């Protein structure tokens, strides 16, 4: 979340010359923000690993006054807000060859093309693993560079420069780089492994070192992981302002702002469910849209390609099926949860209010068209989706309904329907 971070200050020195940092990330906003820092800006020594506003990655080590000891900035950009990245930095300044002292890997492949490429001198001490020097995950201590997105399996290995294959592997069928639980790792004095499995203690260290990090801000546990990616709203094809891990959308003026999901519902099979809740204002449409229209910044295109329920008017627009509007239905306010159930097998979309069916729309286009879940936000409104992680924004659902199939929704999920995520698409889509 955009005001959350973890930190820990080591009480003793570890290995300042040889260590590995590994993290899995799903980026929500392309802006300058920190993954991992050691030290405070303007301190005697500062190490930073971060995303730049243009989507490139930088790893740097500097002394007080901004004297650069080492910097790598990639030429490659990382702007995919729908997928998880695995990032590894392996440092060993004892190496005789300069380029072997600092290595960066993305999804198992070493990055070798840099716009800035300055390697540390042999036997340089980094700020990491230094007694009394704060380690921060998700921000820079003393700054306002919060990471906006999702993190999983964050690890620091003190004393070894490891290959990315310790933390990930190539899937033999798809060829995609995927998560692998690290085993047989000697974590060293200040090493830690954050699995984020304990919702009440997200900084809990699972390495065996008890190097637990303090939790700051309102970060929340998510079911979205490298092994099972959940849908979110897509900032690259949305004109709404998106926050809270791209599950909340808002507009600050009288202009309609469409937003749609990062994951589509392709083909002719699959049954999916999501929930929508108004935060403020109430001029919204929510439903399904033709995936192939790219309506993110075009209100007129969204209007022409939707089966969408108006929370304000209590009507369903059926332009996707070429049929007339269904009017006179129940409206929904800020205390209400709108459920959307999409049945591509039988060509149906069902709309619910607080678990009670409002209306069923049936048409062959629902089966034959590639679809996405989306909304149109208007007139200074703010609303949020729960795609199965169990939160509306940063507020947890009050009580989980039944039939979630491992996902967490406020109300009972219709039998046979599933959250829109990669596991369910692969199994049931």
Protein backbone atom coordinates (compact mmCIF):
# COMPACT_ATOMS: atom_id res chain seq x y z
CA UNK A 1 0.00 0.00 0.00
CA UNK A 2 1.09 3.54 -0.65
CA UNK A 3 1.78 4.52 2.96
CA UNK A 4 3.16 1.24 4.29
CA UNK A 5 6.61 -0.13 4.90
CA UNK A 6 8.62 -2.55 7.03
CA UNK A 7 11.88 -1.82 8.82
CA UNK A 8 14.52 -3.28 11.09
CA UNK A 9 17.78 -1.97 12.53
CA UNK A 10 20.45 -4.68 12.93
CA UNK A 11 22.11 -4.80 16.35
CA UNK A 12 25.31 -6.32 14.96
CA UNK A 13 27.38 -6.34 11.79
CA UNK A 14 26.90 -9.02 9.18
CA UNK A 15 28.70 -9.32 5.86
CA UNK A 16 28.78 -5.88 4.24
CA UNK A 17 30.52 -7.13 1.10
CA UNK A 18 28.59 -10.26 0.18
CA UNK A 19 24.81 -10.65 0.33
CA UNK A 20 21.68 -11.27 -1.77
CA UNK A 21 18.30 -9.52 -1.84
CA UNK A 22 15.33 -11.25 -3.51
CA UNK A 23 11.72 -10.11 -3.86
CA UNK A 24 8.62 -10.87 -5.90
CA UNK A 25 6.69 -7.72 -6.90
CA UNK A 26 3.46 -6.81 -8.60
CA UNK A 27 3.69 -3.10 -9.39
CA UNK A 28 0.50 -1.00 -9.19
CA UNK A 29 1.82 2.45 -10.11
CA UNK A 30 4.73 3.36 -12.39
CA UNK A 31 6.47 6.01 -10.31
CA UNK A 32 9.67 6.38 -8.30
CA UNK A 33 9.41 4.15 -5.26
CA UNK A 34 11.63 1.94 -3.14
CA UNK A 35 11.86 -1.82 -2.85
CA UNK A 36 14.74 -2.07 -0.36
CA UNK A 37 17.00 0.51 1.31
CA UNK A 38 19.71 0.40 3.95
CA UNK A 39 20.42 3.68 5.71
CA UNK A 40 18.78 7.09 5.78
CA UNK A 41 19.17 9.66 3.00
CA UNK A 42 22.08 12.00 3.92
CA UNK A 43 23.50 9.35 6.26
CA UNK A 44 27.11 8.18 6.09
CA UNK A 45 26.14 5.36 3.73
CA UNK A 46 22.97 4.56 1.78
CA UNK A 47 22.05 1.58 -0.39
CA UNK A 48 18.86 1.75 -2.50
CA UNK A 49 17.03 -0.58 -4.88
CA UNK A 50 14.08 1.09 -6.61
CA UNK A 51 11.83 1.68 -9.61
CA UNK A 52 12.15 4.96 -11.51
CA UNK A 53 9.25 7.01 -12.86
CA UNK A 54 10.10 5.88 -16.41
CA UNK A 55 9.89 2.19 -15.45
CA UNK A 56 13.62 1.44 -15.24
CA UNK A 57 15.28 -0.13 -12.22
CA UNK A 58 18.19 1.34 -10.24
CA UNK A 59 20.45 -0.18 -7.62
CA UNK A 60 22.87 2.26 -6.01
CA UNK A 61 25.29 2.60 -3.11
CA UNK A 62 26.50 6.03 -2.03
CA UNK A 63 28.24 7.80 0.82
CA UNK A 64 27.20 10.99 2.61
CA UNK A 65 26.86 14.02 0.36
CA UNK A 66 25.76 11.85 -2.56
CA UNK A 67 29.17 10.45 -3.52
CA UNK A 68 28.30 7.46 -5.73
CA UNK A 69 30.21 4.27 -5.11
CA UNK A 70 28.11 2.09 -7.39
CA UNK A 71 25.04 2.47 -9.63
CA UNK A 72 23.27 0.27 -12.14
CA UNK A 73 20.23 1.64 -14.03
CA UNK A 74 18.58 -0.60 -16.59
CA UNK A 75 17.75 0.37 -20.15
CA UNK A 76 14.88 -2.13 -20.00
CA UNK A 77 11.62 -0.83 -18.53
CA UNK A 78 9.22 -2.71 -16.26
CA UNK A 79 5.68 -1.40 -16.68
CA UNK A 80 3.48 -4.50 -16.55
CA UNK A 81 0.95 -3.90 -13.77
CA UNK A 82 -0.78 -7.25 -14.28
CA UNK A 83 2.13 -9.62 -13.65
CA UNK A 84 4.58 -10.47 -10.90
CA UNK A 85 8.30 -9.74 -11.36
CA UNK A 86 11.05 -11.60 -9.54
CA UNK A 87 14.00 -9.30 -8.78
CA UNK A 88 17.34 -10.42 -7.36
CA UNK A 89 20.45 -8.37 -6.59
CA UNK A 90 23.55 -10.42 -5.79
CA UNK A 91 26.51 -8.49 -4.36
CA UNK A 92 30.04 -9.74 -3.78
CA UNK A 93 32.58 -6.91 -3.78
CA UNK A 94 35.44 -9.34 -3.04
CA UNK A 95 35.37 -10.43 -6.71
CA UNK A 96 38.36 -9.45 -8.86
CA UNK A 97 36.22 -8.71 -11.95
CA UNK A 98 34.21 -5.51 -11.48
CA UNK A 99 31.04 -6.71 -13.26
CA UNK A 100 30.89 -9.76 -10.96
CA UNK A 101 30.63 -7.57 -7.86
CA UNK A 102 27.05 -6.49 -8.53
CA UNK A 103 24.50 -8.51 -10.51
CA UNK A 104 20.82 -7.88 -11.18
CA UNK A 105 18.39 -10.59 -12.29
CA UNK A 106 14.78 -10.20 -13.45
CA UNK A 107 12.65 -13.34 -13.76
CA UNK A 108 15.72 -15.55 -13.65
CA UNK A 109 17.68 -13.74 -16.38
CA UNK A 110 20.69 -11.55 -15.67
CA UNK A 111 20.28 -7.95 -16.84
CA UNK A 112 23.35 -6.81 -18.79
CA UNK A 113 22.20 -3.60 -20.52
CA UNK A 114 22.44 -0.43 -18.41
CA UNK A 115 22.15 3.30 -19.11
CA UNK A 116 24.31 3.90 -16.02
CA UNK A 117 26.89 1.26 -15.12
CA UNK A 118 29.29 1.96 -12.26
CA UNK A 119 30.57 -1.01 -10.28
CA UNK A 120 31.96 -0.81 -6.73
CA UNK A 121 35.66 -0.96 -6.03
CA UNK A 122 36.94 -4.29 -4.78
CA UNK A 123 36.10 -4.95 -1.10
CA UNK A 124 33.70 -1.98 -0.85
CA UNK A 125 31.54 -2.10 2.28
CA UNK A 126 27.85 -1.54 1.54
CA UNK A 127 25.34 -0.07 3.99
CA UNK A 128 23.51 -3.39 4.17
CA UNK A 129 24.19 -5.63 7.18
CA UNK A 130 25.72 -2.76 9.16
CA UNK A 131 25.00 -2.48 12.87
CA UNK A 132 22.70 0.45 13.66
CA UNK A 133 21.88 1.12 9.97
CA UNK A 134 18.16 0.78 9.33
CA UNK A 135 16.84 -1.68 6.70
CA UNK A 136 13.57 -0.63 5.06
CA UNK A 137 11.25 -2.59 2.77
CA UNK A 138 8.81 -0.53 0.70
CA UNK A 139 10.11 2.99 1.36
CA UNK A 140 13.26 5.00 2.02
CA UNK A 141 13.69 5.81 5.68
CA UNK A 142 13.06 9.48 6.25
CA UNK A 143 11.49 9.86 2.80
CA UNK A 144 8.20 9.57 0.96
CA UNK A 145 8.95 6.94 -1.67
CA UNK A 146 6.44 4.27 -0.70
CA UNK A 147 6.13 1.18 -2.83
CA UNK A 148 2.67 0.95 -4.43
CA UNK A 149 1.80 -2.65 -5.21
CA UNK A 150 2.11 -6.19 -3.90
CA UNK A 151 5.14 -7.99 -2.44
CA UNK A 152 5.75 -11.66 -1.77
CA UNK A 153 8.63 -13.71 -0.35
CA UNK A 154 11.08 -10.90 0.40
CA UNK A 155 14.47 -12.31 1.39
CA UNK A 156 17.87 -11.04 2.51
CA UNK A 157 20.72 -13.56 2.63
CA UNK A 158 23.68 -12.28 4.65
CA UNK A 159 27.03 -13.67 3.47
CA UNK A 160 26.25 -15.26 0.10
CA UNK A 161 25.77 -13.96 -3.46
CA UNK A 162 23.15 -16.41 -4.72
CA UNK A 163 21.73 -17.24 -8.13
CA UNK A 164 18.01 -16.55 -8.79
CA UNK A 165 17.43 -20.30 -9.08
CA UNK A 166 17.47 -20.46 -5.28
CA UNK A 167 14.18 -18.52 -5.26
CA UNK A 168 12.57 -19.38 -8.62
CA UNK A 169 12.56 -21.84 -11.50
CA UNK A 170 11.41 -22.19 -15.10
CA UNK A 171 8.17 -24.07 -15.55
CA UNK A 172 8.86 -27.11 -17.72
CA UNK A 173 5.56 -26.78 -19.59
CA UNK A 174 5.02 -23.06 -20.08
CA UNK A 175 8.61 -21.84 -19.91
CA UNK A 176 7.47 -19.13 -17.48
CA UNK A 177 9.64 -18.19 -14.51
CA UNK A 178 7.79 -19.18 -11.34
CA UNK A 179 8.22 -19.12 -7.58
CA UNK A 180 10.22 -21.79 -5.76
CA UNK A 181 10.48 -21.98 -1.99
CA UNK A 182 14.13 -21.44 -0.98
CA UNK A 183 15.64 -24.42 0.85
CA UNK A 184 19.01 -25.20 2.37
CA UNK A 185 19.87 -21.49 2.62
CA UNK A 186 22.35 -20.26 5.22
CA UNK A 187 20.76 -16.92 6.04
CA UNK A 188 23.63 -15.37 8.01
CA UNK A 189 23.53 -12.93 10.91
CA UNK A 190 21.08 -10.36 9.53
CA UNK A 191 19.29 -12.47 6.93
CA UNK A 192 15.50 -12.75 6.89
CA UNK A 193 12.70 -14.32 4.86
CA UNK A 194 9.28 -12.66 4.82
CA UNK A 195 6.52 -14.98 3.60
CA UNK A 196 3.66 -12.64 4.69
CA UNK A 197 1.67 -15.66 5.83
CA UNK A 198 0.70 -14.15 9.19
CA UNK A 199 -1.87 -11.38 8.60
CA UNK A 200 -1.37 -10.11 12.13
CA UNK A 201 2.42 -9.88 11.80
CA UNK A 202 3.40 -9.23 8.18
CA UNK A 203 7.04 -8.61 9.16
CA UNK A 204 7.48 -12.07 10.68
CA UNK A 205 10.84 -13.62 9.77
CA UNK A 206 10.60 -17.25 8.62
CA UNK A 207 14.35 -17.81 8.18
CA UNK A 208 14.85 -19.07 11.73
CA UNK A 209 16.87 -15.97 12.67
CA UNK A 210 13.97 -14.17 14.37
CA UNK A 211 14.93 -11.01 12.47
CA UNK A 212 11.32 -9.83 12.35
CA UNK A 213 10.65 -6.40 10.78
CA UNK A 214 8.37 -3.76 12.27
CA UNK A 215 5.16 -3.03 10.32
CA UNK A 216 4.25 0.60 9.58
CA UNK A 217 1.14 1.96 7.84
CA UNK A 218 -1.97 0.12 6.69
CA UNK A 219 -0.50 -2.63 4.50
CA UNK A 220 -2.73 -5.67 4.13
CA UNK A 221 -2.26 -9.34 3.37
CA UNK A 222 -3.43 -10.35 -0.12
CA UNK A 223 -4.19 -13.70 -1.74
CA UNK A 224 -2.62 -12.34 -4.94
CA UNK A 225 0.73 -14.17 -5.24
CA UNK A 226 3.29 -15.11 -7.93
CA UNK A 227 1.64 -18.53 -8.08
CA UNK A 228 -1.91 -17.22 -8.49
CA UNK A 229 -2.41 -13.74 -9.96
CA UNK A 230 -5.73 -12.00 -9.22
CA UNK A 231 -7.43 -9.45 -11.44
CA UNK A 232 -7.07 -5.79 -10.54
CA UNK A 233 -8.03 -2.61 -12.39
CA UNK A 234 -5.57 -1.72 -15.13
CA UNK A 235 -3.92 1.75 -14.83
CA UNK A 236 -2.61 1.48 -18.41
CA UNK A 237 -6.15 1.37 -19.82
CA UNK A 238 -8.04 3.49 -17.33
CA UNK A 239 -8.76 7.19 -17.00
CA UNK A 240 -9.89 6.85 -13.37
CA UNK A 241 -7.43 7.46 -10.54
CA UNK A 242 -6.53 4.05 -9.11
CA UNK A 243 -5.28 3.29 -5.58
CA UNK A 244 -5.09 0.48 -2.97
CA UNK A 245 -3.34 -1.98 -5.24
CA UNK A 246 -5.47 -0.90 -8.22
CA UNK A 247 -8.73 -2.06 -6.66
CA UNK A 248 -10.15 1.42 -5.95
CA UNK A 249 -11.09 3.95 -8.64
CA UNK A 250 -12.05 7.61 -8.31
CA UNK A 251 -12.85 10.67 -10.37
CA UNK A 252 -12.54 14.22 -9.07
CA UNK A 253 -14.65 15.98 -11.72
CA UNK A 254 -17.86 15.58 -13.72
CA UNK A 255 -16.15 13.50 -16.42
CA UNK A 256 -16.96 9.80 -16.67
CA UNK A 257 -13.88 7.68 -15.99
CA UNK A 258 -13.90 4.06 -17.26
CA UNK A 259 -11.72 1.33 -15.74
CA UNK A 260 -11.35 -2.35 -16.57
CA UNK A 261 -9.55 -5.44 -15.31
CA UNK A 262 -6.04 -6.64 -16.05
CA UNK A 263 -7.39 -10.15 -16.71
CA UNK A 264 -9.99 -10.87 -19.37
CA UNK A 265 -12.54 -13.64 -19.75
CA UNK A 266 -11.65 -15.23 -23.08
CA UNK A 267 -13.28 -18.02 -25.05
CA UNK A 268 -16.65 -19.60 -24.51
CA UNK A 269 -16.30 -21.18 -21.07
CA UNK A 270 -15.79 -20.03 -17.49
CA UNK A 271 -17.93 -18.74 -14.60
CA UNK A 272 -16.55 -15.81 -12.58
CA UNK A 273 -17.64 -13.61 -9.69
CA UNK A 274 -16.58 -10.22 -8.30
CA UNK A 275 -17.95 -7.60 -5.89
CA UNK A 276 -18.21 -3.80 -6.19
CA UNK A 277 -18.86 -1.21 -3.49
CA UNK A 278 -19.44 2.54 -3.66
CA UNK A 279 -17.28 4.61 -1.30
CA UNK A 280 -18.59 8.09 -2.06
CA UNK A 281 -20.83 9.60 -4.71
CA UNK A 282 -23.13 7.19 -6.47
CA UNK A 283 -23.04 7.77 -10.22
CA UNK A 284 -21.51 4.53 -11.38
CA UNK A 285 -21.98 1.75 -13.89
CA UNK A 286 -20.50 -1.67 -13.17
CA UNK A 287 -20.61 -4.86 -15.22
CA UNK A 288 -18.96 -6.50 -18.23
CA UNK A 289 -17.51 -4.90 -21.35
CA UNK A 290 -16.20 -6.03 -24.72
CA UNK A 291 -12.50 -6.68 -24.12
CA UNK A 292 -11.51 -5.81 -27.69
CA UNK A 293 -12.75 -2.21 -27.57
CA UNK A 294 -9.96 -0.71 -25.41
CA UNK A 295 -12.48 1.66 -23.83
CA UNK A 296 -10.22 2.84 -20.99
CA UNK A 297 -10.19 6.50 -22.00
CA UNK A 298 -13.31 6.56 -24.20
CA UNK A 299 -16.66 6.98 -22.52
CA UNK A 300 -18.59 6.64 -25.78
CA UNK A 301 -16.85 3.33 -26.57
CA UNK A 302 -17.64 2.04 -23.09
CA UNK A 303 -21.28 3.09 -23.47
CA UNK A 304 -21.60 1.11 -26.70
CA UNK A 305 -20.06 -2.13 -25.42
CA UNK A 306 -21.49 -2.89 -22.00
CA UNK A 307 -23.88 -4.89 -19.90
CA UNK A 308 -23.70 -2.59 -16.93
CA UNK A 309 -25.80 -1.87 -13.87
CA UNK A 310 -26.29 1.73 -12.69
CA UNK A 311 -26.04 2.02 -8.91
CA UNK A 312 -27.78 5.41 -9.12
CA UNK A 313 -30.62 4.79 -11.58
CA UNK A 314 -31.28 1.12 -10.92
CA UNK A 315 -31.10 0.22 -14.61
CA UNK A 316 -29.04 -2.15 -16.75
CA UNK A 317 -27.68 -0.92 -20.08
CA UNK A 318 -27.46 -3.77 -22.63
CA UNK A 319 -25.66 -2.20 -25.60
CA UNK A 320 -23.33 -5.23 -25.84
CA UNK A 321 -26.33 -7.36 -26.77
CA UNK A 322 -28.13 -4.72 -28.84
CA UNK A 323 -31.14 -4.75 -26.53
CA UNK A 324 -33.05 -2.08 -24.67
CA UNK A 325 -32.35 -0.84 -21.16
CA UNK A 326 -33.86 -2.72 -18.21
CA UNK A 327 -35.22 -0.03 -15.89
CA UNK A 328 -36.95 0.12 -12.52
CA UNK A 329 -34.52 -2.09 -10.60
CA UNK A 330 -33.18 -1.54 -7.09
CA UNK A 331 -30.58 1.18 -6.65
CA UNK A 332 -27.44 0.70 -4.52
CA UNK A 333 -25.77 3.13 -2.11
CA UNK A 334 -22.49 3.31 -0.24
CA UNK A 335 -23.44 0.62 2.25
CA UNK A 336 -24.34 -1.88 -0.47
CA UNK A 337 -22.27 -4.54 -2.22
CA UNK A 338 -23.01 -5.28 -5.88
CA UNK A 339 -22.15 -8.81 -6.95
CA UNK A 340 -21.45 -9.63 -10.61
CA UNK A 341 -21.57 -13.26 -11.77
CA UNK A 342 -20.51 -13.95 -15.38
CA UNK A 343 -21.47 -17.31 -16.89
CA UNK A 344 -19.79 -17.69 -20.29
CA UNK A 345 -20.92 -21.30 -20.57
CA UNK A 346 -24.62 -20.36 -20.75
CA UNK A 347 -24.37 -16.72 -21.82
CA UNK A 348 -25.57 -15.06 -18.62
CA UNK A 349 -24.62 -12.13 -16.40
CA UNK A 350 -26.27 -11.91 -12.98
CA UNK A 351 -26.31 -8.79 -10.79
CA UNK A 352 -26.81 -8.99 -7.01
CA UNK A 353 -27.42 -6.44 -4.25
CA UNK A 354 -26.16 -7.57 -0.85
CA UNK A 355 -26.42 -11.19 -1.89
CA UNK A 356 -29.94 -10.95 -3.39
CA UNK A 357 -30.40 -11.35 -7.16
CA UNK A 358 -31.40 -8.12 -8.92
CA UNK A 359 -31.50 -9.26 -12.54
CA UNK A 360 -30.22 -11.88 -14.98
CA UNK A 361 -29.18 -10.86 -18.51
CA UNK A 362 -28.97 -13.65 -21.09
CA UNK A 363 -27.53 -13.43 -24.61
CA UNK A 364 -25.20 -15.40 -26.90
CA UNK A 365 -22.82 -12.42 -27.08
CA UNK A 366 -21.88 -13.10 -23.46
CA UNK A 367 -20.53 -16.47 -24.58
CA UNK A 368 -19.10 -15.42 -27.93
CA UNK A 369 -17.36 -12.15 -26.96
CA UNK A 370 -14.12 -11.84 -25.00
CA UNK A 371 -15.11 -9.86 -21.92
CA UNK A 372 -13.64 -7.96 -18.99
CA UNK A 373 -15.13 -6.76 -15.73
CA UNK A 374 -15.21 -2.99 -15.54
CA UNK A 375 -16.88 0.16 -14.32
CA UNK A 376 -17.57 3.75 -15.32
CA UNK A 377 -17.17 6.24 -12.49
CA UNK A 378 -18.77 9.66 -12.77
CA UNK A 379 -19.32 12.95 -11.02
CA UNK A 380 -16.77 12.94 -8.17
CA UNK A 381 -17.37 9.35 -7.13
CA UNK A 382 -15.13 6.71 -5.62
CA UNK A 383 -15.72 2.95 -5.62
CA UNK A 384 -13.78 -0.24 -5.10
CA UNK A 385 -13.75 -3.87 -6.23
CA UNK A 386 -13.16 -7.02 -4.27
CA UNK A 387 -11.81 -9.55 -6.77
CA UNK A 388 -11.44 -12.18 -4.07
CA UNK A 389 -8.72 -10.83 -1.78
CA UNK A 390 -11.26 -10.06 0.93
CA UNK A 391 -10.94 -6.25 1.03
CA UNK A 392 -12.80 -3.22 -0.23
CA UNK A 393 -9.88 -0.82 -0.38
CA UNK A 394 -8.13 -1.29 2.97
CA UNK A 395 -11.29 -2.41 4.78
CA UNK A 396 -11.69 -6.12 5.29
CA UNK A 397 -15.00 -7.75 4.44
CA UNK A 398 -17.18 -8.03 7.55
CA UNK A 399 -17.69 -11.80 7.20
CA UNK A 400 -16.80 -14.15 4.37
CA UNK A 401 -19.66 -15.75 2.46
CA UNK A 402 -19.68 -19.38 1.39
CA UNK A 403 -18.44 -20.99 -1.84
CA UNK A 404 -15.38 -18.75 -2.09
CA UNK A 405 -13.24 -21.67 -3.26
CA UNK A 406 -10.22 -20.23 -1.46
CA UNK A 407 -11.08 -16.59 -2.27
CA UNK A 408 -12.78 -14.18 0.15
CA UNK A 409 -16.04 -12.43 -0.76
CA UNK A 410 -18.57 -10.58 1.39
CA UNK A 411 -21.55 -12.61 0.19
CA UNK A 412 -22.14 -16.20 -0.87
CA UNK A 413 -20.67 -16.91 -4.28
CA UNK A 414 -23.15 -18.63 -6.62
CA UNK A 415 -22.36 -22.33 -6.86
CA UNK A 416 -19.82 -23.12 -9.59
CA UNK A 417 -18.49 -19.55 -9.90
CA UNK A 418 -14.90 -18.52 -9.14
CA UNK A 419 -12.73 -15.46 -8.56
CA UNK A 420 -11.09 -14.03 -11.66
CA UNK A 421 -7.49 -15.22 -11.24
CA UNK A 422 -4.97 -17.20 -13.25
CA UNK A 423 -5.48 -20.44 -11.34
CA UNK A 424 -9.23 -20.46 -11.92
CA UNK A 425 -8.90 -19.47 -15.57
CA UNK A 426 -6.45 -22.31 -16.12
CA UNK A 427 -8.67 -24.82 -14.28
CA UNK A 428 -12.19 -23.75 -15.22
CA UNK A 429 -11.92 -21.28 -18.10
